[in-house]
Amino acid sequence: MIPGSVAETALLLERGGYVADRELATTIHLALSMRRPLFLEGEPGTGKTEIAKVLAAGLGRRLVRLQCYDGLDLSAAAYEWDHARQLMAIRLAEAAGQTDRELLARDIYDREFLQSRPLLSAIDPAQPPAVLLIDELDRADEPFEAFLLEVLADFQISVPEYGTIRAETPPVVVLTSNRTREVHDAIRRRCLYHWVDYPDAARERAILARKAPDVPARLSHQVVEFVQRLRGEDLFKLPGVAETIDWAGALRYLNKAELTPGTVEETLGVLLKYQDDIAKIRGAEAARLVAEAQAAAPAV
């Protein structure tokens, strides 16, 4: 069942462990109610992909994920004919004396020989309703976006040799982009859009409390304050929420009760993933950020 209000949508997300602000919950609610694709753009690690996973679980739908990459084509994204089985069917028909080539051609382009890839699987009327996640669309080639237009507009795929396959229950479609390149306006016009930004300190603490509940409260506050300040630094790759959760968990595994400059130095590789960024934060900069985080965190 589609949530009947923004509050119900926020509750659905919360039950799935996703802490959303009012604007995001409103956009998701509208996308579900209006049956429009949801286009989520933002920095890596801000929780865009997780939204699709939570929606699939909360709505009781199967999750169909298309991970985009450079060179993605129709056969990997939508469908492909099973040529080996078609060839076998031709040989069996010939052995049985079948000579009508037109009839034979129709037989080998039957649905049983059509292999579903993510896009076709998501709209297949023979399968249960789905949440279709088209992840990191900006990594795919621009020509691939043209093929997506039919799927996003009409929830159907035209197979030249077979015909048009339409969804009986339109999938919930979530597209994500890390903005490594601009996605075409034709895609954007068919979607409801939301920029998923890094959370503020209060929301990040709430996320950490959900995802890493065994981390002591004081350490959790210090971790969030440190990461919030770290995102103000001039780094090649700022840490996302996923890195915050991983770092808090790593500190917990090391039985740390609060941040110290030494602890930060030892574990920066969990939080930052580029050597230049790590080198920039080591030493006096790490000590300064730790001192500010300790001062800002409440005594618990």
Protein backbone atom coordinates (compact mmCIF):
# COMPACT_ATOMS: atom_id res chain seq x y z
CA MET A 1 0.00 0.00 0.00
CA ILE A 2 1.22 3.49 -0.88
CA PRO A 3 1.43 5.76 2.20
CA GLY A 4 -1.50 8.14 2.38
CA SER A 5 0.37 11.19 3.66
CA VAL A 6 3.80 12.72 4.10
CA ALA A 7 3.74 11.70 7.77
CA GLU A 8 3.03 8.09 6.83
CA THR A 9 5.84 8.17 4.27
CA ALA A 10 8.26 9.50 6.88
CA LEU A 11 7.11 6.74 9.24
CA LEU A 12 7.69 4.10 6.57
CA LEU A 13 11.23 5.40 6.08
CA GLU A 14 11.81 5.56 9.82
CA ARG A 15 10.68 1.96 10.29
CA GLY A 16 13.28 1.00 7.71
CA GLY A 17 15.97 2.81 9.67
CA TYR A 18 16.14 5.83 7.36
CA VAL A 19 16.03 9.26 9.01
CA ALA A 20 14.61 11.67 6.43
CA ASP A 21 13.90 15.38 6.70
CA ARG A 22 10.48 16.81 5.83
CA GLU A 23 11.44 17.91 2.31
CA LEU A 24 12.75 14.48 1.33
CA ALA A 25 9.73 12.70 2.82
CA THR A 26 7.43 15.05 0.89
CA THR A 27 9.20 14.43 -2.43
CA ILE A 28 9.11 10.66 -1.90
CA HIS A 29 5.43 10.79 -0.97
CA LEU A 30 4.60 12.75 -4.12
CA ALA A 31 6.61 10.38 -6.32
CA LEU A 32 4.76 7.38 -4.87
CA SER A 33 1.32 8.99 -5.08
CA MET A 34 1.76 10.45 -8.58
CA ARG A 35 3.55 7.35 -9.91
CA ARG A 36 6.48 9.43 -11.06
CA PRO A 37 10.14 8.36 -11.07
CA LEU A 38 12.21 9.82 -8.25
CA PHE A 39 15.55 11.33 -9.26
CA LEU A 40 17.98 11.65 -6.34
CA GLU A 41 21.18 13.58 -6.89
CA GLY A 42 23.95 14.31 -4.41
CA GLU A 43 27.44 13.51 -3.22
CA PRO A 44 28.45 9.85 -2.80
CA GLY A 45 27.63 8.39 0.60
CA THR A 46 24.62 10.57 1.40
CA GLY A 47 22.12 7.69 1.43
CA LYS A 48 20.51 7.87 -2.02
CA THR A 49 20.69 4.14 -2.76
CA GLU A 50 19.46 3.27 0.72
CA ILE A 51 16.16 5.05 0.02
CA ALA A 52 15.28 2.54 -2.70
CA LYS A 53 16.16 -0.38 -0.42
CA VAL A 54 14.01 0.98 2.40
CA LEU A 55 11.07 1.64 0.05
CA ALA A 56 11.24 -1.91 -1.31
CA ALA A 57 11.18 -3.37 2.20
CA GLY A 58 8.52 -0.97 3.48
CA LEU A 59 6.20 -1.45 0.50
CA GLY A 60 6.68 -5.21 0.39
CA ARG A 61 8.09 -5.11 -3.15
CA ARG A 62 11.06 -6.86 -4.68
CA LEU A 63 14.08 -4.64 -5.31
CA VAL A 64 15.40 -4.69 -8.89
CA ARG A 65 18.73 -2.90 -9.18
CA LEU A 66 20.44 -1.72 -12.34
CA GLN A 67 23.98 -0.62 -11.53
CA CYS A 68 25.08 1.75 -14.28
CA TYR A 69 28.59 1.84 -15.73
CA ASP A 70 30.46 3.11 -18.76
CA GLY A 71 29.48 0.99 -21.76
CA LEU A 72 26.17 -0.27 -20.36
CA ASP A 73 24.04 -1.47 -23.26
CA LEU A 74 20.56 -2.80 -23.97
CA SER A 75 21.48 -6.46 -23.57
CA ALA A 76 22.78 -5.88 -20.04
CA ALA A 77 20.12 -3.40 -18.96
CA ALA A 78 16.83 -4.56 -20.52
CA TYR A 79 16.72 -7.87 -22.36
CA GLU A 80 18.62 -10.32 -24.49
CA TRP A 81 17.54 -13.16 -26.74
CA ASP A 82 18.78 -16.61 -25.69
CA HIS A 83 20.52 -17.41 -28.96
CA ALA A 84 21.72 -20.83 -27.86
CA ARG A 85 18.20 -22.00 -27.06
CA GLN A 86 16.86 -20.42 -30.27
CA LEU A 87 19.41 -22.31 -32.33
CA MET A 88 18.53 -25.53 -30.57
CA ALA A 89 14.82 -24.91 -31.26
CA ILE A 90 15.57 -24.37 -34.95
CA ARG A 91 17.49 -27.62 -35.22
CA LEU A 92 14.78 -29.56 -33.41
CA ALA A 93 12.12 -28.08 -35.69
CA GLU A 94 14.12 -28.93 -38.79
CA ALA A 95 14.66 -32.46 -37.53
CA ALA A 96 10.88 -32.76 -37.06
CA GLY A 97 10.32 -31.68 -40.65
CA GLN A 98 9.31 -28.05 -40.05
CA THR A 99 9.94 -26.16 -43.29
CA ASP A 100 7.81 -23.02 -42.91
CA ARG A 101 10.45 -20.37 -42.23
CA GLU A 102 7.95 -17.64 -41.24
CA LEU A 103 6.30 -19.90 -38.69
CA LEU A 104 9.69 -20.98 -37.42
CA ALA A 105 10.81 -17.35 -37.05
CA ARG A 106 7.71 -16.55 -35.02
CA ASP A 107 8.32 -19.57 -32.81
CA ILE A 108 11.91 -18.71 -31.93
CA TYR A 109 10.97 -15.13 -30.99
CA ASP A 110 8.56 -16.33 -28.35
CA ARG A 111 8.61 -14.95 -24.78
CA GLU A 112 10.27 -18.11 -23.47
CA PHE A 113 13.47 -17.21 -25.34
CA LEU A 114 13.59 -13.64 -24.03
CA GLN A 115 15.97 -13.23 -21.11
CA SER A 116 14.98 -10.48 -18.68
CA ARG A 117 17.55 -8.00 -17.45
CA PRO A 118 16.75 -5.45 -14.69
CA LEU A 119 14.59 -3.03 -16.71
CA LEU A 120 12.41 -5.73 -18.27
CA SER A 121 12.22 -7.64 -14.99
CA ALA A 122 10.91 -4.55 -13.19
CA ILE A 123 7.95 -4.11 -15.58
CA ASP A 124 7.29 -7.79 -16.31
CA PRO A 125 3.54 -8.32 -15.72
CA ALA A 126 4.24 -11.98 -14.86
CA GLN A 127 6.31 -10.96 -11.83
CA PRO A 128 5.36 -9.26 -8.53
CA PRO A 129 5.49 -5.43 -8.31
CA ALA A 130 8.96 -3.98 -7.95
CA VAL A 131 11.03 -1.03 -6.84
CA LEU A 132 13.41 -0.31 -9.74
CA LEU A 133 16.69 1.26 -8.66
CA ILE A 134 18.71 2.76 -11.53
CA ASP A 135 21.87 3.46 -9.57
CA GLU A 136 24.53 6.02 -10.57
CA LEU A 137 22.96 6.93 -13.90
CA ASP A 138 25.71 9.51 -14.44
CA ARG A 139 28.17 6.64 -14.97
CA ALA A 140 26.30 5.35 -18.04
CA ASP A 141 26.79 6.73 -21.53
CA GLU A 142 24.45 9.51 -22.65
CA PRO A 143 22.85 7.42 -25.47
CA PHE A 144 21.61 4.97 -22.85
CA GLU A 145 19.41 7.70 -21.39
CA ALA A 146 17.42 7.85 -24.64
CA PHE A 147 16.33 4.25 -24.19
CA LEU A 148 15.26 4.97 -20.62
CA LEU A 149 12.72 7.54 -21.73
CA GLU A 150 10.16 4.93 -22.81
CA VAL A 151 10.53 3.06 -19.53
CA LEU A 152 10.21 6.18 -17.39
CA ALA A 153 7.31 7.71 -19.32
CA ASP A 154 5.12 4.67 -20.07
CA PHE A 155 6.57 1.82 -17.98
CA GLN A 156 6.96 -0.29 -21.09
CA ILE A 157 9.69 -1.72 -23.32
CA SER A 158 9.34 -2.27 -27.06
CA VAL A 159 11.08 -5.40 -28.34
CA PRO A 160 11.19 -5.21 -32.16
CA GLU A 161 10.96 -8.97 -32.75
CA TYR A 162 8.30 -9.57 -30.13
CA GLY A 163 6.20 -6.52 -29.33
CA THR A 164 5.61 -4.17 -26.41
CA ILE A 165 5.77 -5.38 -22.83
CA ARG A 166 3.89 -3.17 -20.35
CA ALA A 167 3.76 -3.19 -16.57
CA GLU A 168 0.39 -4.03 -15.01
CA THR A 169 1.53 -2.42 -11.77
CA PRO A 170 4.04 0.35 -12.52
CA PRO A 171 7.27 -0.05 -10.56
CA VAL A 172 8.42 2.56 -8.08
CA VAL A 173 11.44 4.00 -9.91
CA VAL A 174 14.40 5.56 -8.09
CA LEU A 175 17.28 7.01 -10.12
CA THR A 176 20.47 8.19 -8.44
CA SER A 177 23.35 10.31 -9.65
CA ASN A 178 26.61 11.43 -8.06
CA ARG A 179 26.78 14.22 -10.64
CA THR A 180 30.03 13.16 -12.28
CA ARG A 181 28.27 14.47 -15.42
CA GLU A 182 24.98 16.20 -16.08
CA VAL A 183 21.98 13.96 -16.74
CA HIS A 184 19.91 15.06 -19.75
CA ASP A 185 16.91 17.36 -19.27
CA ALA A 186 14.60 14.78 -20.91
CA ILE A 187 15.24 12.43 -17.99
CA ARG A 188 14.84 15.18 -15.41
CA ARG A 189 11.49 16.31 -16.84
CA ARG A 190 10.00 12.87 -16.30
CA CYS A 191 11.05 12.71 -12.65
CA LEU A 192 10.49 14.40 -9.34
CA TYR A 193 13.84 15.73 -8.16
CA HIS A 194 15.56 15.97 -4.79
CA TRP A 195 19.11 16.90 -3.89
CA VAL A 196 20.28 14.62 -1.06
CA ASP A 197 22.75 16.67 0.93
CA TYR A 198 24.94 15.78 3.87
CA PRO A 199 22.79 15.77 7.03
CA ASP A 200 23.11 18.39 9.72
CA ALA A 201 24.54 17.35 13.10
CA ALA A 202 21.17 16.57 14.70
CA ARG A 203 20.05 14.30 11.86
CA GLU A 204 23.44 12.62 11.63
CA ARG A 205 23.31 11.84 15.35
CA ALA A 206 19.85 10.34 14.83
CA ILE A 207 21.17 8.25 11.93
CA LEU A 208 24.11 7.05 13.99
CA ALA A 209 21.81 6.14 16.87
CA ARG A 210 19.81 3.98 14.41
CA LYS A 211 22.69 2.38 12.55
CA ALA A 212 25.22 2.00 15.38
CA PRO A 213 23.20 1.89 18.62
CA ASP A 214 26.00 0.23 20.62
CA VAL A 215 28.33 3.26 20.23
CA PRO A 216 28.50 5.22 23.53
CA ALA A 217 26.56 8.47 23.46
CA ARG A 218 29.53 10.73 24.15
CA LEU A 219 31.65 9.07 21.48
CA SER A 220 28.75 9.27 19.04
CA HIS A 221 28.40 13.01 19.63
CA GLN A 222 32.14 13.56 19.20
CA VAL A 223 32.25 11.51 16.00
CA VAL A 224 29.43 13.54 14.47
CA GLU A 225 30.95 16.88 15.53
CA PHE A 226 34.33 15.83 14.10
CA VAL A 227 32.84 14.71 10.77
CA GLN A 228 30.70 17.84 10.49
CA ARG A 229 33.82 19.98 10.82
CA LEU A 230 35.81 17.71 8.52
CA ARG A 231 33.30 18.36 5.74
CA GLY A 232 34.25 22.02 5.92
CA GLU A 233 37.83 21.19 4.94
CA ASP A 234 39.17 21.37 1.40
CA LEU A 235 39.33 17.64 0.67
CA PHE A 236 39.20 15.65 -2.55
CA LYS A 237 36.45 13.37 -1.19
CA LEU A 238 34.39 14.41 1.82
CA PRO A 239 33.21 11.59 4.10
CA GLY A 240 29.59 10.56 3.67
CA VAL A 241 27.14 9.20 6.20
CA ALA A 242 28.27 5.66 5.40
CA GLU A 243 31.82 6.60 6.45
CA THR A 244 30.52 8.17 9.67
CA ILE A 245 28.74 4.92 10.55
CA ASP A 246 31.78 2.80 9.65
CA TRP A 247 34.13 5.02 11.67
CA ALA A 248 31.92 5.00 14.75
CA GLY A 249 31.69 1.21 14.50
CA ALA A 250 35.46 0.89 14.12
CA LEU A 251 36.05 3.03 17.20
CA ARG A 252 33.62 0.85 19.11
CA TYR A 253 35.48 -2.29 18.03
CA LEU A 254 38.65 -0.70 19.41
CA ASN A 255 36.84 -0.05 22.73
CA LYS A 256 37.30 3.70 22.47
CA ALA A 257 35.11 5.81 24.74
CA GLU A 258 36.00 9.20 23.25
CA LEU A 259 38.05 10.77 20.50
CA THR A 260 41.72 11.58 20.93
CA PRO A 261 44.22 12.84 18.35
CA GLY A 262 46.01 9.49 18.48
CA THR A 263 42.83 7.54 17.87
CA VAL A 264 41.96 9.74 14.89
CA GLU A 265 45.46 9.31 13.41
CA GLU A 266 45.17 5.52 13.69
CA THR A 267 41.73 5.26 12.08
CA LEU A 268 41.64 7.99 9.44
CA GLY A 269 41.68 5.30 6.75
CA VAL A 270 38.15 4.32 7.74
CA LEU A 271 36.88 7.87 7.31
CA LEU A 272 38.96 9.16 4.37
CA LYS A 273 39.78 7.13 1.26
CA TYR A 274 42.52 9.20 -0.43
CA GLN A 275 46.09 9.51 0.83
CA ASP A 276 46.30 13.23 0.04
CA ASP A 277 43.24 13.86 2.22
CA ILE A 278 44.66 11.76 5.06
CA ALA A 279 48.00 13.57 4.90
CA LYS A 280 46.23 16.94 5.00
CA ILE A 281 44.32 16.07 8.18
CA ARG A 282 47.10 14.33 10.12
CA GLY A 283 48.94 16.09 12.92
CA ALA A 284 47.93 19.54 14.12
CA GLU A 285 44.79 19.67 11.98
CA ALA A 286 43.45 16.43 13.47
CA ALA A 287 44.24 17.67 16.99
CA ARG A 288 42.38 20.92 16.33
CA LEU A 289 39.31 19.15 15.01
CA VAL A 290 39.31 16.73 17.94
CA ALA A 291 39.50 19.60 20.43
CA GLU A 292 36.59 21.38 18.73
CA ALA A 293 34.54 18.16 18.61
CA GLN A 294 35.17 17.47 22.30
CA ALA A 295 34.18 21.03 23.23
CA ALA A 296 30.99 20.88 21.16
CA ALA A 297 29.84 17.45 22.34
CA PRO A 298 27.67 17.52 25.48
CA ALA A 299 28.86 15.79 28.62
CA VAL A 300 27.00 12.47 28.80
